[in-house]
N, C-alpha and C. Protein backbone atom coordinates (compact mmCIF):
# COMPACT_ATOMS: atom_id res chain seq x y z
N MET A 1 45.57 175.44 22.38
CA MET A 1 45.07 174.56 23.42
C MET A 1 44.78 175.38 24.67
N ALA A 2 43.63 175.12 25.28
CA ALA A 2 43.22 175.89 26.44
C ALA A 2 44.08 175.60 27.66
N ASP A 3 44.38 174.37 27.88
CA ASP A 3 45.14 173.98 29.06
C ASP A 3 46.56 173.62 28.62
N SER A 4 47.55 174.14 29.34
CA SER A 4 48.94 173.88 28.96
C SER A 4 49.31 172.41 29.11
N GLN A 5 48.49 171.63 29.82
CA GLN A 5 48.77 170.21 30.01
C GLN A 5 48.20 169.37 28.87
N GLU A 6 47.31 169.92 28.07
CA GLU A 6 46.72 169.15 26.98
C GLU A 6 47.75 168.89 25.90
N VAL A 7 47.64 167.74 25.31
CA VAL A 7 48.50 167.41 24.17
C VAL A 7 47.62 166.82 23.10
N PRO A 8 48.00 166.96 21.83
CA PRO A 8 47.19 166.39 20.76
C PRO A 8 47.07 164.88 20.92
N ILE A 9 45.94 164.34 20.45
CA ILE A 9 45.74 162.89 20.51
C ILE A 9 46.85 162.20 19.74
N GLY A 10 47.37 161.13 20.32
CA GLY A 10 48.41 160.36 19.66
C GLY A 10 49.81 160.73 20.13
N ILE A 11 49.94 161.86 20.82
CA ILE A 11 51.25 162.25 21.34
C ILE A 11 51.19 162.12 22.85
N PRO A 12 52.00 161.23 23.42
CA PRO A 12 51.91 161.03 24.88
C PRO A 12 52.39 162.26 25.64
N SER A 13 51.77 162.47 26.78
CA SER A 13 52.20 163.55 27.66
C SER A 13 53.59 163.21 28.19
N PRO A 14 54.33 164.21 28.66
CA PRO A 14 55.67 163.92 29.19
C PRO A 14 55.65 162.89 30.32
N GLY A 15 54.63 162.92 31.17
CA GLY A 15 54.55 161.96 32.26
C GLY A 15 54.35 160.54 31.75
N LYS A 16 53.45 160.39 30.77
CA LYS A 16 53.21 159.06 30.21
C LYS A 16 54.44 158.56 29.46
N LEU A 17 55.11 159.46 28.78
CA LEU A 17 56.32 159.08 28.07
C LEU A 17 57.40 158.63 29.05
N ALA A 18 57.52 159.34 30.17
CA ALA A 18 58.50 158.97 31.18
C ALA A 18 58.17 157.59 31.76
N LEU A 19 56.88 157.32 32.03
CA LEU A 19 56.49 156.01 32.55
C LEU A 19 56.76 154.91 31.54
N ALA A 20 56.49 155.18 30.27
CA ALA A 20 56.75 154.18 29.24
C ALA A 20 58.25 153.90 29.14
N THR A 21 59.05 154.95 29.21
CA THR A 21 60.50 154.79 29.16
C THR A 21 60.99 154.02 30.38
N LEU A 22 60.47 154.36 31.54
CA LEU A 22 60.83 153.66 32.77
C LEU A 22 60.45 152.19 32.67
N GLY A 23 59.26 151.92 32.17
CA GLY A 23 58.83 150.54 32.00
C GLY A 23 59.74 149.77 31.07
N ALA A 24 60.14 150.40 29.98
CA ALA A 24 61.05 149.74 29.03
C ALA A 24 62.40 149.48 29.67
N LEU A 25 62.90 150.42 30.47
CA LEU A 25 64.17 150.22 31.15
C LEU A 25 64.10 149.08 32.16
N LEU A 26 62.99 149.01 32.89
CA LEU A 26 62.85 147.94 33.87
C LEU A 26 62.75 146.58 33.20
N VAL A 27 62.02 146.52 32.08
CA VAL A 27 61.93 145.26 31.35
C VAL A 27 63.31 144.87 30.83
N ALA A 28 64.04 145.84 30.28
CA ALA A 28 65.39 145.56 29.78
C ALA A 28 66.30 145.08 30.92
N ALA A 29 66.19 145.71 32.07
CA ALA A 29 67.01 145.30 33.21
C ALA A 29 66.63 143.90 33.66
N LEU A 30 65.34 143.60 33.70
CA LEU A 30 64.90 142.27 34.11
C LEU A 30 65.39 141.22 33.12
N LEU A 31 65.31 141.53 31.83
CA LEU A 31 65.81 140.58 30.83
C LEU A 31 67.30 140.36 31.01
N LEU A 32 68.03 141.41 31.32
CA LEU A 32 69.46 141.28 31.56
C LEU A 32 69.73 140.34 32.72
N VAL A 33 68.95 140.51 33.78
CA VAL A 33 69.14 139.68 34.97
C VAL A 33 68.80 138.23 34.70
N THR A 34 67.67 137.99 34.06
CA THR A 34 67.19 136.62 33.96
C THR A 34 67.66 135.86 32.74
N VAL A 35 68.01 136.56 31.68
CA VAL A 35 68.41 135.86 30.47
C VAL A 35 69.91 135.87 30.28
N VAL A 36 70.50 137.03 30.42
CA VAL A 36 71.93 137.16 30.16
C VAL A 36 72.75 136.82 31.39
N LEU A 37 72.35 137.30 32.54
CA LEU A 37 73.15 137.16 33.75
C LEU A 37 72.33 136.55 34.89
N PRO A 38 72.00 135.28 34.84
CA PRO A 38 71.22 134.72 35.95
C PRO A 38 72.12 134.47 37.17
N ALA A 39 72.59 135.58 37.75
CA ALA A 39 73.49 135.51 38.89
C ALA A 39 73.03 136.50 39.95
N GLU A 40 73.40 136.22 41.19
CA GLU A 40 72.91 137.05 42.30
C GLU A 40 73.35 138.51 42.20
N TYR A 41 74.56 138.78 41.72
CA TYR A 41 74.98 140.18 41.61
C TYR A 41 74.12 140.95 40.61
N ALA A 42 73.65 140.27 39.55
CA ALA A 42 72.77 140.93 38.59
C ALA A 42 71.39 141.19 39.20
N LEU A 43 70.93 140.24 40.00
CA LEU A 43 69.66 140.44 40.71
C LEU A 43 69.77 141.63 41.65
N GLU A 44 70.87 141.74 42.35
CA GLU A 44 71.08 142.87 43.27
C GLU A 44 71.06 144.20 42.52
N ALA A 45 71.71 144.23 41.37
CA ALA A 45 71.71 145.47 40.56
C ALA A 45 70.30 145.83 40.12
N TYR A 46 69.54 144.83 39.70
CA TYR A 46 68.16 145.08 39.28
C TYR A 46 67.32 145.60 40.45
N LEU A 47 67.48 145.00 41.61
CA LEU A 47 66.69 145.42 42.76
C LEU A 47 67.06 146.83 43.22
N ARG A 48 68.32 147.21 43.09
CA ARG A 48 68.72 148.58 43.42
C ARG A 48 68.08 149.57 42.46
N LEU A 49 68.05 149.23 41.17
CA LEU A 49 67.39 150.08 40.17
C LEU A 49 65.90 150.18 40.48
N LEU A 50 65.27 149.06 40.76
CA LEU A 50 63.85 149.04 41.06
C LEU A 50 63.53 149.88 42.30
N ALA A 51 64.37 149.80 43.32
CA ALA A 51 64.16 150.58 44.55
C ALA A 51 64.24 152.08 44.29
N GLU A 52 65.08 152.46 43.34
CA GLU A 52 65.21 153.89 43.02
C GLU A 52 64.05 154.41 42.19
N VAL A 53 63.63 153.65 41.20
CA VAL A 53 62.65 154.17 40.26
C VAL A 53 61.21 153.73 40.53
N ALA A 54 61.03 152.64 41.26
CA ALA A 54 59.68 152.16 41.54
C ALA A 54 59.65 151.46 42.90
N PRO A 55 59.94 152.21 43.97
CA PRO A 55 60.01 151.59 45.30
C PRO A 55 58.70 150.88 45.66
N GLY A 56 58.85 149.72 46.25
CA GLY A 56 57.69 148.97 46.70
C GLY A 56 56.99 148.16 45.63
N SER A 57 57.48 148.21 44.40
CA SER A 57 56.85 147.47 43.32
C SER A 57 57.04 145.97 43.50
N PRO A 58 56.01 145.20 43.20
CA PRO A 58 56.19 143.75 43.25
C PRO A 58 57.08 143.30 42.10
N TRP A 59 57.78 142.21 42.29
CA TRP A 59 58.64 141.69 41.23
C TRP A 59 58.75 140.18 41.39
N MET A 60 59.26 139.54 40.35
CA MET A 60 59.52 138.11 40.44
C MET A 60 60.70 137.78 39.54
N VAL A 61 61.31 136.66 39.84
CA VAL A 61 62.38 136.15 39.02
C VAL A 61 61.77 135.11 38.09
N ALA A 62 62.00 135.28 36.81
CA ALA A 62 61.51 134.34 35.80
C ALA A 62 62.47 134.42 34.62
N GLY A 63 62.31 133.55 33.69
CA GLY A 63 63.17 133.60 32.52
C GLY A 63 62.60 132.80 31.38
N LEU A 64 63.11 133.05 30.21
CA LEU A 64 62.74 132.27 29.04
C LEU A 64 64.00 131.61 28.52
N ASP A 65 63.97 130.31 28.41
CA ASP A 65 65.12 129.55 27.93
C ASP A 65 66.34 129.77 28.82
N VAL A 66 66.11 129.75 30.14
CA VAL A 66 67.20 129.96 31.09
C VAL A 66 66.95 129.16 32.36
N ASP A 67 68.00 128.71 32.98
CA ASP A 67 67.90 128.03 34.27
C ASP A 67 67.89 129.11 35.35
N ILE A 68 66.74 129.38 35.90
CA ILE A 68 66.57 130.45 36.88
C ILE A 68 66.88 129.97 38.30
N LEU A 69 67.13 128.69 38.46
CA LEU A 69 67.33 128.13 39.81
C LEU A 69 68.44 128.78 40.61
N PRO A 70 69.56 129.23 39.99
CA PRO A 70 70.58 129.90 40.80
C PRO A 70 70.08 131.16 41.52
N LEU A 71 68.98 131.75 41.03
CA LEU A 71 68.43 132.96 41.65
C LEU A 71 67.23 132.68 42.56
N ALA A 72 66.73 131.47 42.55
CA ALA A 72 65.49 131.17 43.29
C ALA A 72 65.62 131.47 44.78
N GLY A 73 66.65 130.98 45.41
CA GLY A 73 66.83 131.22 46.84
C GLY A 73 67.06 132.69 47.15
N ALA A 74 67.90 133.33 46.35
CA ALA A 74 68.19 134.76 46.57
C ALA A 74 66.95 135.61 46.42
N ALA A 75 66.13 135.30 45.44
CA ALA A 75 64.89 136.07 45.24
C ALA A 75 63.93 135.85 46.41
N ALA A 76 63.79 134.62 46.82
CA ALA A 76 62.85 134.32 47.91
C ALA A 76 63.29 134.97 49.22
N THR A 77 64.59 134.97 49.51
CA THR A 77 65.05 135.59 50.76
C THR A 77 64.90 137.10 50.73
N ARG A 78 64.77 137.67 49.54
CA ARG A 78 64.54 139.11 49.42
C ARG A 78 63.04 139.43 49.42
N GLY A 79 62.22 138.41 49.60
CA GLY A 79 60.81 138.63 49.84
C GLY A 79 59.90 138.64 48.64
N ASP A 80 60.33 138.13 47.51
CA ASP A 80 59.38 138.12 46.40
C ASP A 80 59.29 136.79 45.72
N HIS A 81 58.87 136.77 44.50
CA HIS A 81 58.37 135.58 43.84
C HIS A 81 59.37 134.94 42.88
N VAL A 82 59.19 133.64 42.69
CA VAL A 82 59.99 132.87 41.76
C VAL A 82 59.03 132.13 40.85
N HIS A 83 59.29 132.20 39.56
CA HIS A 83 58.45 131.51 38.58
C HIS A 83 59.30 130.51 37.81
N VAL A 84 58.94 129.26 37.88
CA VAL A 84 59.60 128.23 37.07
C VAL A 84 58.53 127.33 36.47
N ASP A 85 58.76 126.92 35.26
CA ASP A 85 57.97 125.85 34.66
C ASP A 85 58.64 125.42 33.38
N LEU A 86 58.12 124.38 32.81
CA LEU A 86 58.76 123.75 31.66
C LEU A 86 58.87 124.69 30.47
N GLU A 87 57.87 125.54 30.25
CA GLU A 87 57.92 126.42 29.08
C GLU A 87 59.04 127.45 29.17
N ASP A 88 59.51 127.75 30.37
CA ASP A 88 60.59 128.72 30.54
C ASP A 88 61.97 128.07 30.60
N ALA A 89 62.00 126.76 30.70
CA ALA A 89 63.26 126.04 30.88
C ALA A 89 64.16 126.14 29.65
N PRO A 90 65.46 125.95 29.85
CA PRO A 90 66.36 125.97 28.69
C PRO A 90 65.97 124.90 27.66
N LEU A 91 66.12 125.25 26.40
CA LEU A 91 65.82 124.33 25.32
C LEU A 91 66.59 123.03 25.52
N GLY A 92 65.89 121.92 25.40
CA GLY A 92 66.52 120.62 25.56
C GLY A 92 66.57 120.13 26.99
N SER A 93 65.98 120.86 27.92
CA SER A 93 65.99 120.43 29.32
C SER A 93 65.34 119.06 29.45
N THR A 94 65.95 118.21 30.25
CA THR A 94 65.39 116.88 30.48
C THR A 94 64.56 116.82 31.75
N ARG A 95 64.51 117.92 32.51
CA ARG A 95 63.68 117.96 33.71
C ARG A 95 62.21 118.06 33.32
N SER A 96 61.37 117.43 34.09
CA SER A 96 59.92 117.58 33.92
C SER A 96 59.50 118.88 34.60
N ASN A 97 58.27 119.29 34.36
CA ASN A 97 57.74 120.48 35.03
C ASN A 97 57.78 120.29 36.53
N LEU A 98 57.35 119.11 36.99
CA LEU A 98 57.38 118.81 38.43
C LEU A 98 58.80 118.91 38.97
N ALA A 99 59.77 118.41 38.23
CA ALA A 99 61.17 118.47 38.69
C ALA A 99 61.66 119.90 38.79
N TRP A 100 61.25 120.78 37.86
CA TRP A 100 61.62 122.21 37.95
C TRP A 100 61.06 122.83 39.22
N VAL A 101 59.78 122.55 39.49
CA VAL A 101 59.13 123.10 40.68
C VAL A 101 59.79 122.56 41.95
N GLN A 102 60.08 121.27 41.98
CA GLN A 102 60.73 120.68 43.16
C GLN A 102 62.13 121.26 43.37
N ALA A 103 62.87 121.49 42.28
CA ALA A 103 64.21 122.06 42.41
C ALA A 103 64.13 123.50 42.93
N ALA A 104 63.15 124.26 42.45
CA ALA A 104 62.97 125.63 42.94
C ALA A 104 62.60 125.61 44.42
N ARG A 105 61.71 124.71 44.80
CA ARG A 105 61.33 124.58 46.21
C ARG A 105 62.56 124.27 47.06
N SER A 106 63.37 123.35 46.62
CA SER A 106 64.58 122.98 47.38
C SER A 106 65.52 124.17 47.52
N ALA A 107 65.70 124.93 46.44
CA ALA A 107 66.59 126.09 46.48
C ALA A 107 66.06 127.16 47.44
N ILE A 108 64.76 127.37 47.42
CA ILE A 108 64.14 128.37 48.30
C ILE A 108 64.28 127.96 49.77
N LEU A 109 64.00 126.69 50.06
CA LEU A 109 64.12 126.21 51.44
C LEU A 109 65.57 126.21 51.90
N ALA A 110 66.49 125.82 51.03
CA ALA A 110 67.91 125.80 51.38
C ALA A 110 68.43 127.20 51.69
N ALA A 111 67.83 128.21 51.08
CA ALA A 111 68.23 129.59 51.33
C ALA A 111 67.64 130.14 52.62
N GLY A 112 66.80 129.34 53.29
CA GLY A 112 66.22 129.78 54.55
C GLY A 112 64.90 130.50 54.40
N SER A 113 64.31 130.46 53.23
CA SER A 113 63.02 131.10 53.01
C SER A 113 61.94 130.03 53.03
N SER A 114 60.73 130.43 52.75
CA SER A 114 59.62 129.47 52.76
C SER A 114 58.71 129.73 51.57
N LEU A 115 57.84 128.77 51.33
CA LEU A 115 56.87 128.88 50.25
C LEU A 115 55.57 129.44 50.79
N ALA A 116 54.87 130.16 49.96
CA ALA A 116 53.55 130.67 50.36
C ALA A 116 52.55 129.52 50.37
N SER A 117 51.64 129.57 51.30
CA SER A 117 50.57 128.57 51.34
C SER A 117 49.50 128.97 50.32
N PRO A 118 48.63 128.05 49.94
CA PRO A 118 47.54 128.42 49.04
C PRO A 118 46.70 129.58 49.60
N ALA A 119 46.46 129.57 50.91
CA ALA A 119 45.66 130.65 51.52
C ALA A 119 46.38 131.99 51.40
N GLU A 120 47.70 131.99 51.59
CA GLU A 120 48.47 133.25 51.45
C GLU A 120 48.43 133.76 50.03
N VAL A 121 48.51 132.86 49.07
CA VAL A 121 48.45 133.26 47.66
C VAL A 121 47.08 133.86 47.35
N ARG A 122 46.02 133.20 47.81
CA ARG A 122 44.67 133.72 47.57
C ARG A 122 44.51 135.12 48.16
N ARG A 123 45.00 135.31 49.39
CA ARG A 123 44.90 136.65 50.03
C ARG A 123 45.66 137.68 49.21
N ALA A 124 46.85 137.34 48.77
CA ALA A 124 47.66 138.28 47.99
C ALA A 124 46.98 138.64 46.67
N LEU A 125 46.41 137.65 46.01
CA LEU A 125 45.73 137.90 44.74
C LEU A 125 44.45 138.72 44.91
N ASN A 126 43.84 138.59 46.07
CA ASN A 126 42.62 139.36 46.35
C ASN A 126 42.92 140.73 46.94
N GLY A 127 44.19 141.04 47.15
CA GLY A 127 44.57 142.34 47.69
C GLY A 127 44.38 142.47 49.18
N ASN A 128 44.28 141.39 49.89
CA ASN A 128 44.07 141.43 51.34
C ASN A 128 45.39 141.31 52.07
């Protein structure tokens, strides 16, 4: 190989491998926080890991088959996003989708944070 940085096709470079490993670790940590341990101390551990390995990265609290509401206020006061809807709710939940959203809103407001306006969301999605 002419360049010491070249690698054969199909074999990731060390940098790409490190990013893939980092991504897998972050996903595993997020799953731990939202599925296994939906508690504020687990969120704090995840955010400390994220700050070390990917400072400034956007994040959100979400879950599959889990009640994420205990983390909604804590996530919002730390400046990022909360995702709730019926498809993510625990199996057998009797809450409607609207009720999940209203409960998340209440938790966020009770924690002293606020909801983004439609205009703020549009600006964020457009990169402004």
